[in-house]
Amino acid sequence: MADPMHHLELQGLTLAYGKAGAAVQDLHLSVAQGELVSLLGPSGCGKTTTMRAVAGLLTPLAGRIVLAGQDITRVPANRRDIGLVFQSYALFPHLSAFENVAFGLRLRKVPAPELRERVSEALRSVGLEDFASRLPANLSGGQQQRVALARAIVLRPRLLLLDEPLSNLDAKLRVEMRAELRRLQRQLGITMLYVTHDQDEALSLSDRIVVMRAGRIEQCGTPEEVWHRPATAFVASFMGCDNLFDAAAGLPLAWPAGATHLAWRPQAVPVRAAGEPGLPGTVLARSYLGEHVEYLVQTAHGKLKGSAPASAPPWLEGAAVSVGLDGAAAAVIPPATRT
């Protein structure tokens, strides 16, 4: 009997394209049944390559892929019982929403009464039951993405893989679809492996986030852990800690024992009038961001990004300011970290 705590296991996975060097090296990851895990990282970090291997579209050089207790490393893609949702939707333009969702069931020769019931249920779960007869051209981008989701879940796969599925949507719709996707995942209890380069997307959707860099895992943890306690300087920087310093920077504050780096997000670095407590500096650039203004400030210890409320008096380029650095507000990068 398969262990629900290890529904998907990637054991020492090494992947490459052709004769190129390894795109993913000795990767280990376990995903529990019903869990949504995001692979997060910059382009070229190996996240999509990992997903392609799980889907059966790329054969590993080494390692195993185990799903629900079954070694599927060499099982053909069409026999893995895995659903796929891509950023391009890949809907058939000449078929209605109903027929797009029904396509895989027809290939499996599911009886007509059961097919109608399952397709209607899938469309209802994504809020598109009233749009069943529409062609993709007559659906919005968000509706097309929901059809693609319905087409994947109607097959009741053991695992659902999603590769940047919201990247083609506008900002407002992306936020709406995040909430819809998370609701659907919890409602149906589907195990999902989700690929994205968008930190906000991973934070809002995931049970756990796997941050990847150069084919390796830098950190695996809950959104709260990755955000508040980055394990490496790379994770800190990737998750928005633009102010990253090592001990050699000589910052005028107590340095935690053993820490390799301290990091602050701009929101944790207040910019104040010259003469107030903090590091003196000169404004190099400013960006108005609605509720606050972000400043790039040159100090004796290097450049710092900080912020001030939009209601505060504006400091223009060249203005003298003071930048507050509070050690208690810093993310502390632990020792023995790979940067």
C-alpha atoms as a PDB file:
ATOM      1  CA  MET A   1       0.000   0.000   0.000  1.00  0.00           C
ATOM      2  CA  ALA A   2       1.360   3.416  -1.001  1.00  0.00           C
ATOM      3  CA  ASP A   3       2.328   5.832   1.760  1.00  0.00           C
ATOM      4  CA  PRO A   4       0.124   8.975   1.425  1.00  0.00           C
ATOM      5  CA  MET A   5       2.960  11.019   2.937  1.00  0.00           C
ATOM      6  CA  HIS A   6       5.154  10.054  -0.032  1.00  0.00           C
ATOM      7  CA  HIS A   7       2.638  10.102  -2.882  1.00  0.00           C
ATOM      8  CA  LEU A   8       5.268  11.393  -5.321  1.00  0.00           C
ATOM      9  CA  GLU A   9       8.954  10.709  -4.724  1.00  0.00           C
ATOM     10  CA  LEU A  10      11.856  11.992  -6.789  1.00  0.00           C
ATOM     11  CA  GLN A  11      14.877   9.977  -5.735  1.00  0.00           C
ATOM     12  CA  GLY A  12      18.299  11.209  -6.848  1.00  0.00           C
ATOM     13  CA  LEU A  13      16.945  12.578 -10.120  1.00  0.00           C
ATOM     14  CA  THR A  14      19.564  13.698 -12.662  1.00  0.00           C
ATOM     15  CA  LEU A  15      18.338  15.164 -15.955  1.00  0.00           C
ATOM     16  CA  ALA A  16      19.953  16.521 -19.101  1.00  0.00           C
ATOM     17  CA  TYR A  17      19.105  17.435 -22.690  1.00  0.00           C
ATOM     18  CA  GLY A  18      21.255  15.643 -25.249  1.00  0.00           C
ATOM     19  CA  LYS A  19      24.971  15.930 -24.553  1.00  0.00           C
ATOM     20  CA  ALA A  20      24.614  19.132 -22.563  1.00  0.00           C
ATOM     21  CA  GLY A  21      25.585  19.153 -18.912  1.00  0.00           C
ATOM     22  CA  ALA A  22      23.075  18.097 -16.283  1.00  0.00           C
ATOM     23  CA  ALA A  23      20.115  20.477 -16.048  1.00  0.00           C
ATOM     24  CA  VAL A  24      19.066  18.857 -12.755  1.00  0.00           C
ATOM     25  CA  GLN A  25      21.540  17.112 -10.451  1.00  0.00           C
ATOM     26  CA  ASP A  26      20.723  14.509  -7.776  1.00  0.00           C
ATOM     27  CA  LEU A  27      17.347  15.977  -6.850  1.00  0.00           C
ATOM     28  CA  HIS A  28      15.369  14.504  -3.951  1.00  0.00           C
ATOM     29  CA  LEU A  29      11.776  15.528  -3.234  1.00  0.00           C
ATOM     30  CA  SER A  30       8.690  14.003  -1.603  1.00  0.00           C
ATOM     31  CA  VAL A  31       5.140  15.289  -2.172  1.00  0.00           C
ATOM     32  CA  ALA A  32       2.322  14.109   0.097  1.00  0.00           C
ATOM     33  CA  GLN A  33      -1.097  13.085  -1.177  1.00  0.00           C
ATOM     34  CA  GLY A  34      -3.343  16.123  -1.525  1.00  0.00           C
ATOM     35  CA  GLU A  35      -0.420  18.552  -1.229  1.00  0.00           C
ATOM     36  CA  LEU A  36       0.286  21.494  -3.549  1.00  0.00           C
ATOM     37  CA  VAL A  37       4.030  21.956  -3.981  1.00  0.00           C
ATOM     38  CA  SER A  38       5.482  24.730  -6.148  1.00  0.00           C
ATOM     39  CA  LEU A  39       8.822  24.560  -7.941  1.00  0.00           C
ATOM     40  CA  LEU A  40      10.007  28.161  -7.880  1.00  0.00           C
ATOM     41  CA  GLY A  41      13.070  29.732  -9.425  1.00  0.00           C
ATOM     42  CA  PRO A  42      14.498  31.812 -12.274  1.00  0.00           C
ATOM     43  CA  SER A  43      14.581  30.704 -15.890  1.00  0.00           C
ATOM     44  CA  GLY A  44      17.020  27.843 -16.427  1.00  0.00           C
ATOM     45  CA  CYS A  45      16.973  26.609 -12.817  1.00  0.00           C
ATOM     46  CA  GLY A  46      15.582  23.182 -13.788  1.00  0.00           C
ATOM     47  CA  LYS A  47      11.986  23.449 -12.566  1.00  0.00           C
ATOM     48  CA  THR A  48      10.287  22.811 -15.927  1.00  0.00           C
ATOM     49  CA  THR A  49      12.863  20.120 -16.744  1.00  0.00           C
ATOM     50  CA  THR A  50      11.914  18.365 -13.499  1.00  0.00           C
ATOM     51  CA  MET A  51       8.227  18.573 -14.382  1.00  0.00           C
ATOM     52  CA  ARG A  52       8.852  17.187 -17.881  1.00  0.00           C
ATOM     53  CA  ALA A  53      10.586  14.180 -16.343  1.00  0.00           C
ATOM     54  CA  VAL A  54       7.678  13.545 -13.960  1.00  0.00           C
ATOM     55  CA  ALA A  55       5.276  13.793 -16.907  1.00  0.00           C
ATOM     56  CA  GLY A  56       7.283  11.237 -18.874  1.00  0.00           C
ATOM     57  CA  LEU A  57       8.477  13.682 -21.530  1.00  0.00           C
ATOM     58  CA  LEU A  58      12.152  13.377 -20.547  1.00  0.00           C
ATOM     59  CA  THR A  59      14.042  10.234 -19.513  1.00  0.00           C
ATOM     60  CA  PRO A  60      16.278  10.660 -16.437  1.00  0.00           C
ATOM     61  CA  LEU A  61      19.996   9.949 -16.649  1.00  0.00           C
ATOM     62  CA  ALA A  62      19.832   8.664 -13.085  1.00  0.00           C
ATOM     63  CA  GLY A  63      17.381   8.362 -10.215  1.00  0.00           C
ATOM     64  CA  ARG A  64      13.795   7.174  -9.850  1.00  0.00           C
ATOM     65  CA  ILE A  65      10.310   8.657 -10.033  1.00  0.00           C
ATOM     66  CA  VAL A  66       7.800   6.876  -7.775  1.00  0.00           C
ATOM     67  CA  LEU A  67       4.080   7.713  -7.843  1.00  0.00           C
ATOM     68  CA  ALA A  68       1.654   6.137  -5.365  1.00  0.00           C
ATOM     69  CA  GLY A  69       4.197   3.431  -4.631  1.00  0.00           C
ATOM     70  CA  GLN A  70       4.790   2.586  -8.317  1.00  0.00           C
ATOM     71  CA  ASP A  71       8.127   3.177 -10.019  1.00  0.00           C
ATOM     72  CA  ILE A  72       7.125   5.106 -13.157  1.00  0.00           C
ATOM     73  CA  THR A  73      10.625   6.153 -14.240  1.00  0.00           C
ATOM     74  CA  ARG A  74      10.358   4.133 -17.477  1.00  0.00           C
ATOM     75  CA  VAL A  75       6.557   4.065 -17.811  1.00  0.00           C
ATOM     76  CA  PRO A  76       5.327   5.803 -21.016  1.00  0.00           C
ATOM     77  CA  ALA A  77       3.751   9.222 -20.495  1.00  0.00           C
ATOM     78  CA  ASN A  78       0.272   8.078 -21.559  1.00  0.00           C
ATOM     79  CA  ARG A  79       0.234   5.346 -18.901  1.00  0.00           C
ATOM     80  CA  ARG A  80       1.290   7.433 -15.899  1.00  0.00           C
ATOM     81  CA  ASP A  81      -2.196   8.692 -15.001  1.00  0.00           C
ATOM     82  CA  ILE A  82      -0.894  12.263 -14.695  1.00  0.00           C
ATOM     83  CA  GLY A  83      -2.757  15.400 -15.755  1.00  0.00           C
ATOM     84  CA  LEU A  84      -1.002  18.300 -17.465  1.00  0.00           C
ATOM     85  CA  VAL A  85      -1.948  21.979 -17.675  1.00  0.00           C
ATOM     86  CA  PHE A  86       0.306  24.319 -19.659  1.00  0.00           C
ATOM     87  CA  GLN A  87       0.430  28.104 -20.014  1.00  0.00           C
ATOM     88  CA  SER A  88      -0.776  27.844 -23.633  1.00  0.00           C
ATOM     89  CA  TYR A  89      -4.061  26.058 -22.635  1.00  0.00           C
ATOM     90  CA  ALA A  90      -3.768  23.888 -25.820  1.00  0.00           C
ATOM     91  CA  LEU A  91      -7.538  23.753 -26.373  1.00  0.00           C
ATOM     92  CA  PHE A  92      -8.963  22.429 -29.631  1.00  0.00           C
ATOM     93  CA  PRO A  93     -10.356  25.565 -31.333  1.00  0.00           C
ATOM     94  CA  HIS A  94     -13.056  23.688 -33.282  1.00  0.00           C
ATOM     95  CA  LEU A  95     -14.467  21.905 -30.215  1.00  0.00           C
ATOM     96  CA  SER A  96     -16.832  23.330 -27.604  1.00  0.00           C
ATOM     97  CA  ALA A  97     -15.811  23.609 -23.973  1.00  0.00           C
ATOM     98  CA  PHE A  98     -17.798  20.428 -23.291  1.00  0.00           C
ATOM     99  CA  GLU A  99     -16.060  18.494 -26.071  1.00  0.00           C
ATOM    100  CA  ASN A 100     -12.620  19.776 -25.054  1.00  0.00           C
ATOM    101  CA  VAL A 101     -13.180  18.442 -21.553  1.00  0.00           C
ATOM    102  CA  ALA A 102     -14.693  15.211 -22.890  1.00  0.00           C
ATOM    103  CA  PHE A 103     -11.835  14.514 -25.317  1.00  0.00           C
ATOM    104  CA  GLY A 104      -9.718  12.350 -23.006  1.00  0.00           C
ATOM    105  CA  LEU A 105     -12.750  10.422 -21.766  1.00  0.00           C
ATOM    106  CA  ARG A 106     -13.774   9.617 -25.348  1.00  0.00           C
ATOM    107  CA  LEU A 107     -10.277   8.273 -26.017  1.00  0.00           C
ATOM    108  CA  ARG A 108     -10.743   6.026 -22.992  1.00  0.00           C
ATOM    109  CA  LYS A 109     -14.136   4.893 -24.342  1.00  0.00           C
ATOM    110  CA  VAL A 110     -16.012   5.985 -21.230  1.00  0.00           C
ATOM    111  CA  PRO A 111     -19.746   5.191 -21.647  1.00  0.00           C
ATOM    112  CA  ALA A 112     -21.859   8.163 -22.767  1.00  0.00           C
ATOM    113  CA  PRO A 113     -23.967   8.575 -19.586  1.00  0.00           C
ATOM    114  CA  GLU A 114     -20.877   8.535 -17.355  1.00  0.00           C
ATOM    115  CA  LEU A 115     -19.040  10.851 -19.755  1.00  0.00           C
ATOM    116  CA  ARG A 116     -21.820  13.453 -19.649  1.00  0.00           C
ATOM    117  CA  GLU A 117     -21.968  13.286 -15.873  1.00  0.00           C
ATOM    118  CA  ARG A 118     -18.201  13.608 -15.377  1.00  0.00           C
ATOM    119  CA  VAL A 119     -17.794  16.444 -17.889  1.00  0.00           C
ATOM    120  CA  SER A 120     -20.701  18.370 -16.376  1.00  0.00           C
ATOM    121  CA  GLU A 121     -19.238  17.859 -12.907  1.00  0.00           C
ATOM    122  CA  ALA A 122     -15.799  19.055 -14.051  1.00  0.00           C
ATOM    123  CA  LEU A 123     -17.228  22.156 -15.746  1.00  0.00           C
ATOM    124  CA  ARG A 124     -19.364  22.861 -12.685  1.00  0.00           C
ATOM    125  CA  SER A 125     -16.327  22.628 -10.398  1.00  0.00           C
ATOM    126  CA  VAL A 126     -14.601  25.413 -12.369  1.00  0.00           C
ATOM    127  CA  GLY A 127     -17.755  27.507 -12.676  1.00  0.00           C
ATOM    128  CA  LEU A 128     -18.300  26.983 -16.406  1.00  0.00           C
ATOM    129  CA  GLU A 129     -21.335  24.721 -16.601  1.00  0.00           C
ATOM    130  CA  ASP A 130     -23.279  27.470 -18.430  1.00  0.00           C
ATOM    131  CA  PHE A 131     -20.484  27.848 -21.013  1.00  0.00           C
ATOM    132  CA  ALA A 132     -20.363  24.202 -22.122  1.00  0.00           C
ATOM    133  CA  SER A 133     -21.425  24.910 -25.720  1.00  0.00           C
ATOM    134  CA  ARG A 134     -19.018  27.798 -26.349  1.00  0.00           C
ATOM    135  CA  LEU A 135     -15.963  27.529 -28.566  1.00  0.00           C
ATOM    136  CA  PRO A 136     -12.610  28.634 -27.094  1.00  0.00           C
ATOM    137  CA  ALA A 137     -12.644  31.769 -29.280  1.00  0.00           C
ATOM    138  CA  ASN A 138     -15.786  32.880 -27.454  1.00  0.00           C
ATOM    139  CA  LEU A 139     -14.256  32.436 -24.001  1.00  0.00           C
ATOM    140  CA  SER A 140     -12.040  34.844 -22.081  1.00  0.00           C
ATOM    141  CA  GLY A 141      -8.459  33.920 -21.186  1.00  0.00           C
ATOM    142  CA  GLY A 142      -9.494  33.009 -17.664  1.00  0.00           C
ATOM    143  CA  GLN A 143     -12.375  30.877 -18.917  1.00  0.00           C
ATOM    144  CA  GLN A 144     -10.084  29.071 -21.357  1.00  0.00           C
ATOM    145  CA  GLN A 145      -7.696  28.333 -18.514  1.00  0.00           C
ATOM    146  CA  ARG A 146     -10.578  26.907 -16.492  1.00  0.00           C
ATOM    147  CA  VAL A 147     -11.541  24.644 -19.398  1.00  0.00           C
ATOM    148  CA  ALA A 148      -7.944  23.409 -19.511  1.00  0.00           C
ATOM    149  CA  LEU A 149      -8.143  22.678 -15.779  1.00  0.00           C
ATOM    150  CA  ALA A 150     -11.466  20.882 -16.167  1.00  0.00           C
ATOM    151  CA  ARG A 151     -10.039  18.787 -18.997  1.00  0.00           C
ATOM    152  CA  ALA A 152      -7.208  17.681 -16.720  1.00  0.00           C
ATOM    153  CA  ILE A 153      -9.243  16.951 -13.585  1.00  0.00           C
ATOM    154  CA  VAL A 154     -12.055  15.108 -15.408  1.00  0.00           C
ATOM    155  CA  LEU A 155      -9.622  12.216 -15.898  1.00  0.00           C
ATOM    156  CA  ARG A 156      -9.174  12.007 -12.111  1.00  0.00           C
ATOM    157  CA  PRO A 157      -5.378  11.789 -12.355  1.00  0.00           C
ATOM    158  CA  ARG A 158      -3.173  10.615  -9.506  1.00  0.00           C
ATOM    159  CA  LEU A 159      -1.117  13.796  -9.954  1.00  0.00           C
ATOM    160  CA  LEU A 160      -1.723  17.137 -11.676  1.00  0.00           C
ATOM    161  CA  LEU A 161       1.230  19.047 -13.162  1.00  0.00           C
ATOM    162  CA  LEU A 162       0.845  22.754 -13.906  1.00  0.00           C
ATOM    163  CA  ASP A 163       3.551  24.623 -15.842  1.00  0.00           C
ATOM    164  CA  GLU A 164       3.209  28.428 -15.528  1.00  0.00           C
ATOM    165  CA  PRO A 165      -0.560  28.081 -16.098  1.00  0.00           C
ATOM    166  CA  LEU A 166      -1.436  31.704 -15.244  1.00  0.00           C
ATOM    167  CA  SER A 167       1.394  33.535 -17.006  1.00  0.00           C
ATOM    168  CA  ASN A 168      -0.728  34.495 -20.032  1.00  0.00           C
ATOM    169  CA  LEU A 169      -3.393  36.224 -17.922  1.00  0.00           C
ATOM    170  CA  ASP A 170      -3.488  39.894 -16.943  1.00  0.00           C
ATOM    171  CA  ALA A 171      -2.514  40.845 -13.386  1.00  0.00           C
ATOM    172  CA  LYS A 172      -6.050  41.130 -11.964  1.00  0.00           C
ATOM    173  CA  LEU A 173      -7.192  37.847 -13.499  1.00  0.00           C
ATOM    174  CA  ARG A 174      -4.050  36.088 -12.291  1.00  0.00           C
ATOM    175  CA  VAL A 175      -4.912  36.985  -8.707  1.00  0.00           C
ATOM    176  CA  GLU A 176      -8.501  35.775  -9.180  1.00  0.00           C
ATOM    177  CA  MET A 177      -7.346  32.507 -10.758  1.00  0.00           C
ATOM    178  CA  ARG A 178      -4.876  31.860  -7.939  1.00  0.00           C
ATOM    179  CA  ALA A 179      -7.740  31.878  -5.448  1.00  0.00           C
ATOM    180  CA  GLU A 180      -9.889  29.737  -7.755  1.00  0.00           C
ATOM    181  CA  LEU A 181      -7.110  27.210  -8.294  1.00  0.00           C
ATOM    182  CA  ARG A 182      -6.389  26.927  -4.587  1.00  0.00           C
ATOM    183  CA  ARG A 183     -10.120  26.472  -3.830  1.00  0.00           C
ATOM    184  CA  LEU A 184     -10.396  23.774  -6.470  1.00  0.00           C
ATOM    185  CA  GLN A 185      -7.303  21.949  -5.265  1.00  0.00           C
ATOM    186  CA  ARG A 186      -8.562  21.848  -1.683  1.00  0.00           C
ATOM    187  CA  GLN A 187     -12.090  20.900  -2.695  1.00  0.00           C
ATOM    188  CA  LEU A 188     -10.976  17.972  -4.828  1.00  0.00           C
ATOM    189  CA  GLY A 189      -7.917  16.963  -2.792  1.00  0.00           C
ATOM    190  CA  ILE A 190      -5.752  16.726  -5.920  1.00  0.00           C
ATOM    191  CA  THR A 191      -1.991  16.391  -5.521  1.00  0.00           C
ATOM    192  CA  MET A 192      -0.391  19.181  -7.554  1.00  0.00           C
ATOM    193  CA  LEU A 193       3.145  19.998  -8.649  1.00  0.00           C
ATOM    194  CA  TYR A 194       3.163  23.618  -9.793  1.00  0.00           C
ATOM    195  CA  VAL A 195       5.937  25.359 -11.743  1.00  0.00           C
ATOM    196  CA  THR A 196       6.298  29.139 -11.546  1.00  0.00           C
ATOM    197  CA  HIS A 197       8.869  31.921 -11.502  1.00  0.00           C
ATOM    198  CA  ASP A 198       6.414  34.248  -9.710  1.00  0.00           C
ATOM    199  CA  GLN A 199       7.097  34.534  -5.969  1.00  0.00           C
ATOM    200  CA  ASP A 200       3.632  35.938  -5.157  1.00  0.00           C
ATOM    201  CA  GLU A 201       1.990  33.054  -6.993  1.00  0.00           C
ATOM    202  CA  ALA A 202       4.011  30.448  -5.113  1.00  0.00           C
ATOM    203  CA  LEU A 203       3.424  32.142  -1.742  1.00  0.00           C
ATOM    204  CA  SER A 204      -0.341  32.397  -2.190  1.00  0.00           C
ATOM    205  CA  LEU A 205      -0.913  28.893  -3.599  1.00  0.00           C
ATOM    206  CA  SER A 206       1.501  26.484  -2.015  1.00  0.00           C
ATOM    207  CA  ASP A 207       1.579  24.160   0.948  1.00  0.00           C
ATOM    208  CA  ARG A 208       5.336  24.029   0.366  1.00  0.00           C
ATOM    209  CA  ILE A 209       7.726  25.881  -1.929  1.00  0.00           C
ATOM    210  CA  VAL A 210      10.829  24.323  -3.486  1.00  0.00           C
ATOM    211  CA  VAL A 211      13.247  27.084  -4.486  1.00  0.00           C
ATOM    212  CA  MET A 212      15.609  25.877  -7.212  1.00  0.00           C
ATOM    213  CA  ARG A 213      18.852  27.234  -8.584  1.00  0.00           C
ATOM    214  CA  ALA A 214      21.118  25.731 -11.252  1.00  0.00           C
ATOM    215  CA  GLY A 215      19.422  22.334 -11.096  1.00  0.00           C
ATOM    216  CA  ARG A 216      19.509  21.968  -7.330  1.00  0.00           C
ATOM    217  CA  ILE A 217      17.158  22.662  -4.430  1.00  0.00           C
ATOM    218  CA  GLU A 218      18.221  25.683  -2.384  1.00  0.00           C
ATOM    219  CA  GLN A 219      15.361  25.455   0.101  1.00  0.00           C
ATOM    220  CA  CYS A 220      12.172  23.479   0.622  1.00  0.00           C
ATOM    221  CA  GLY A 221       9.692  24.778   3.165  1.00  0.00           C
ATOM    222  CA  THR A 222       6.343  26.381   3.844  1.00  0.00           C
ATOM    223  CA  PRO A 223       5.675  29.817   2.326  1.00  0.00           C
ATOM    224  CA  GLU A 224       6.210  31.329   5.792  1.00  0.00           C
ATOM    225  CA  GLU A 225       9.571  29.597   6.203  1.00  0.00           C
ATOM    226  CA  VAL A 226      10.849  30.592   2.779  1.00  0.00           C
ATOM    227  CA  TRP A 227       9.687  34.196   3.252  1.00  0.00           C
ATOM    228  CA  HIS A 228      10.828  34.809   6.830  1.00  0.00           C
ATOM    229  CA  ARG A 229      13.736  32.362   7.149  1.00  0.00           C
ATOM    230  CA  PRO A 230      15.531  32.021   3.800  1.00  0.00           C
ATOM    231  CA  ALA A 231      18.120  29.257   4.009  1.00  0.00           C
ATOM    232  CA  THR A 232      20.633  30.773   1.580  1.00  0.00           C
ATOM    233  CA  ALA A 233      21.688  34.166   0.280  1.00  0.00           C
ATOM    234  CA  PHE A 234      20.224  33.205  -3.101  1.00  0.00           C
ATOM    235  CA  VAL A 235      16.798  32.449  -1.613  1.00  0.00           C
ATOM    236  CA  ALA A 236      16.860  35.705   0.354  1.00  0.00           C
ATOM    237  CA  SER A 237      17.662  37.696  -2.778  1.00  0.00           C
ATOM    238  CA  PHE A 238      15.152  35.823  -4.954  1.00  0.00           C
ATOM    239  CA  MET A 239      12.394  36.340  -2.392  1.00  0.00           C
ATOM    240  CA  GLY A 240      12.835  40.105  -2.427  1.00  0.00           C
ATOM    241  CA  CYS A 241      15.568  40.832   0.131  1.00  0.00           C
ATOM    242  CA  ASP A 242      17.301  43.377  -2.106  1.00  0.00           C
ATOM    243  CA  ASN A 243      19.587  44.520   0.709  1.00  0.00           C
ATOM    244  CA  LEU A 244      21.986  41.606   1.185  1.00  0.00           C
ATOM    245  CA  PHE A 245      25.233  42.041   3.127  1.00  0.00           C
ATOM    246  CA  ASP A 246      27.961  39.738   4.397  1.00  0.00           C
ATOM    247  CA  ALA A 247      30.062  40.304   7.504  1.00  0.00           C
ATOM    248  CA  ALA A 248      32.735  42.125   5.497  1.00  0.00           C
ATOM    249  CA  ALA A 249      30.317  45.004   4.832  1.00  0.00           C
ATOM    250  CA  GLY A 250      31.035  46.366   8.309  1.00  0.00           C
ATOM    251  CA  LEU A 251      27.485  47.408   9.079  1.00  0.00           C
ATOM    252  CA  PRO A 252      27.187  49.289  12.387  1.00  0.00           C
ATOM    253  CA  LEU A 253      25.068  46.700  14.207  1.00  0.00           C
ATOM    254  CA  ALA A 254      25.522  43.509  16.202  1.00  0.00           C
ATOM    255  CA  TRP A 255      26.271  40.610  13.861  1.00  0.00           C
ATOM    256  CA  PRO A 256      24.573  37.299  14.836  1.00  0.00           C
ATOM    257  CA  ALA A 257      27.036  34.532  15.675  1.00  0.00           C
ATOM    258  CA  GLY A 258      27.762  32.303  12.699  1.00  0.00           C
ATOM    259  CA  ALA A 259      25.516  34.161  10.244  1.00  0.00           C
ATOM    260  CA  THR A 260      26.934  34.443   6.736  1.00  0.00           C
ATOM    261  CA  HIS A 261      24.603  37.226   5.571  1.00  0.00           C
ATOM    262  CA  LEU A 262      21.943  39.627   6.768  1.00  0.00           C
ATOM    263  CA  ALA A 263      19.180  40.662   4.395  1.00  0.00           C
ATOM    264  CA  TRP A 264      16.381  43.212   4.433  1.00  0.00           C
ATOM    265  CA  ARG A 265      13.456  43.845   2.133  1.00  0.00           C
ATOM    266  CA  PRO A 266      12.993  47.500   1.139  1.00  0.00           C
ATOM    267  CA  GLN A 267       9.805  47.678   3.237  1.00  0.00           C
ATOM    268  CA  ALA A 268      11.891  46.891   6.352  1.00  0.00           C
ATOM    269  CA  VAL A 269      14.350  49.733   5.684  1.00  0.00           C
ATOM    270  CA  PRO A 270      12.826  53.129   6.554  1.00  0.00           C
ATOM    271  CA  VAL A 271      14.108  56.187   4.718  1.00  0.00           C
ATOM    272  CA  ARG A 272      14.029  59.316   6.896  1.00  0.00           C
ATOM    273  CA  ALA A 273      15.101  62.923   6.814  1.00  0.00           C
ATOM    274  CA  ALA A 274      18.850  63.635   6.986  1.00  0.00           C
ATOM    275  CA  GLY A 275      20.081  63.813  10.561  1.00  0.00           C
ATOM    276  CA  GLU A 276      17.598  61.284  11.928  1.00  0.00           C
ATOM    277  CA  PRO A 277      18.921  57.955  13.324  1.00  0.00           C
ATOM    278  CA  GLY A 278      20.398  55.652  10.678  1.00  0.00           C
ATOM    279  CA  LEU A 279      23.041  55.526   7.972  1.00  0.00           C
ATOM    280  CA  PRO A 280      23.546  58.822   6.119  1.00  0.00           C
ATOM    281  CA  GLY A 281      23.150  58.578   2.366  1.00  0.00           C
ATOM    282  CA  THR A 282      22.202  60.202  -0.902  1.00  0.00           C
ATOM    283  CA  VAL A 283      19.139  59.359  -2.979  1.00  0.00           C
ATOM    284  CA  LEU A 284      20.111  57.827  -6.329  1.00  0.00           C
ATOM    285  CA  ALA A 285      16.593  56.963  -7.576  1.00  0.00           C
ATOM    286  CA  ARG A 286      13.004  56.925  -6.380  1.00  0.00           C
ATOM    287  CA  SER A 287       9.939  54.931  -7.461  1.00  0.00           C
ATOM    288  CA  TYR A 288       6.375  55.844  -6.547  1.00  0.00           C
ATOM    289  CA  LEU A 289       4.478  52.616  -5.721  1.00  0.00           C
ATOM    290  CA  GLY A 290       1.116  53.886  -4.525  1.00  0.00           C
ATOM    291  CA  GLU A 291       1.037  53.600  -0.745  1.00  0.00           C
ATOM    292  CA  HIS A 292       4.795  54.015  -0.427  1.00  0.00           C
ATOM    293  CA  VAL A 293       7.826  55.367  -2.276  1.00  0.00           C
ATOM    294  CA  GLU A 294      10.868  53.144  -2.764  1.00  0.00           C
ATOM    295  CA  TYR A 295      14.293  54.775  -2.696  1.00  0.00           C
ATOM    296  CA  LEU A 296      17.724  53.625  -3.835  1.00  0.00           C
ATOM    297  CA  VAL A 297      20.243  55.259  -1.520  1.00  0.00           C
ATOM    298  CA  GLN A 298      24.038  55.369  -1.712  1.00  0.00           C
ATOM    299  CA  THR A 299      25.675  54.936   1.711  1.00  0.00           C
ATOM    300  CA  ALA A 300      29.221  54.400   2.898  1.00  0.00           C
ATOM    301  CA  HIS A 301      28.413  50.680   3.154  1.00  0.00           C
ATOM    302  CA  GLY A 302      26.984  50.347  -0.354  1.00  0.00           C
ATOM    303  CA  LYS A 303      23.635  50.884  -2.010  1.00  0.00           C
ATOM    304  CA  LEU A 304      20.453  50.282  -0.016  1.00  0.00           C
ATOM    305  CA  LYS A 305      16.831  50.063  -1.061  1.00  0.00           C
ATOM    306  CA  GLY A 306      14.404  51.522   1.445  1.00  0.00           C
ATOM    307  CA  SER A 307      10.932  52.984   1.548  1.00  0.00           C
ATOM    308  CA  ALA A 308       8.878  55.776   3.060  1.00  0.00           C
ATOM    309  CA  PRO A 309       5.121  56.367   3.187  1.00  0.00           C
ATOM    310  CA  ALA A 310       3.768  58.159   0.135  1.00  0.00           C
ATOM    311  CA  SER A 311       2.423  60.798   2.519  1.00  0.00           C
ATOM    312  CA  ALA A 312       5.958  61.689   3.673  1.00  0.00           C
ATOM    313  CA  PRO A 313       7.766  64.658   2.088  1.00  0.00           C
ATOM    314  CA  PRO A 314       9.377  63.406  -1.145  1.00  0.00           C
ATOM    315  CA  TRP A 315      13.142  63.292  -1.484  1.00  0.00           C
ATOM    316  CA  LEU A 316      14.373  63.789  -5.010  1.00  0.00           C
ATOM    317  CA  GLU A 317      17.532  62.405  -6.595  1.00  0.00           C
ATOM    318  CA  GLY A 318      20.597  63.900  -4.912  1.00  0.00           C
ATOM    319  CA  ALA A 319      18.834  64.619  -1.618  1.00  0.00           C
ATOM    320  CA  ALA A 320      20.538  63.756   1.671  1.00  0.00           C
ATOM    321  CA  VAL A 321      18.597  61.211   3.757  1.00  0.00           C
ATOM    322  CA  SER A 322      19.057  58.740   6.591  1.00  0.00           C
ATOM    323  CA  VAL A 323      18.437  55.008   6.183  1.00  0.00           C
ATOM    324  CA  GLY A 324      17.386  52.882   9.160  1.00  0.00           C
ATOM    325  CA  LEU A 325      18.820  49.376   9.516  1.00  0.00           C
ATOM    326  CA  ASP A 326      17.398  47.291  12.346  1.00  0.00           C
ATOM    327  CA  GLY A 327      19.133  43.979  12.990  1.00  0.00           C
ATOM    328  CA  ALA A 328      15.923  42.566  14.471  1.00  0.00           C
ATOM    329  CA  ALA A 329      14.145  43.120  11.139  1.00  0.00           C
ATOM    330  CA  ALA A 330      16.799  41.303   9.100  1.00  0.00           C
ATOM    331  CA  ALA A 331      16.578  37.827   7.621  1.00  0.00           C
ATOM    332  CA  VAL A 332      19.558  35.941   9.073  1.00  0.00           C
ATOM    333  CA  ILE A 333      21.268  33.560   6.664  1.00  0.00           C
ATOM    334  CA  PRO A 334      22.574  30.600   8.677  1.00  0.00           C
ATOM    335  CA  PRO A 335      26.098  29.169   8.514  1.00  0.00           C
ATOM    336  CA  ALA A 336      27.196  26.421   6.149  1.00  0.00           C
ATOM    337  CA  THR A 337      25.037  27.851   3.379  1.00  0.00           C
ATOM    338  CA  ARG A 338      25.680  27.390  -0.338  1.00  0.00           C
ATOM    339  CA  THR A 339      25.456  30.774  -2.080  1.00  0.00           C
END
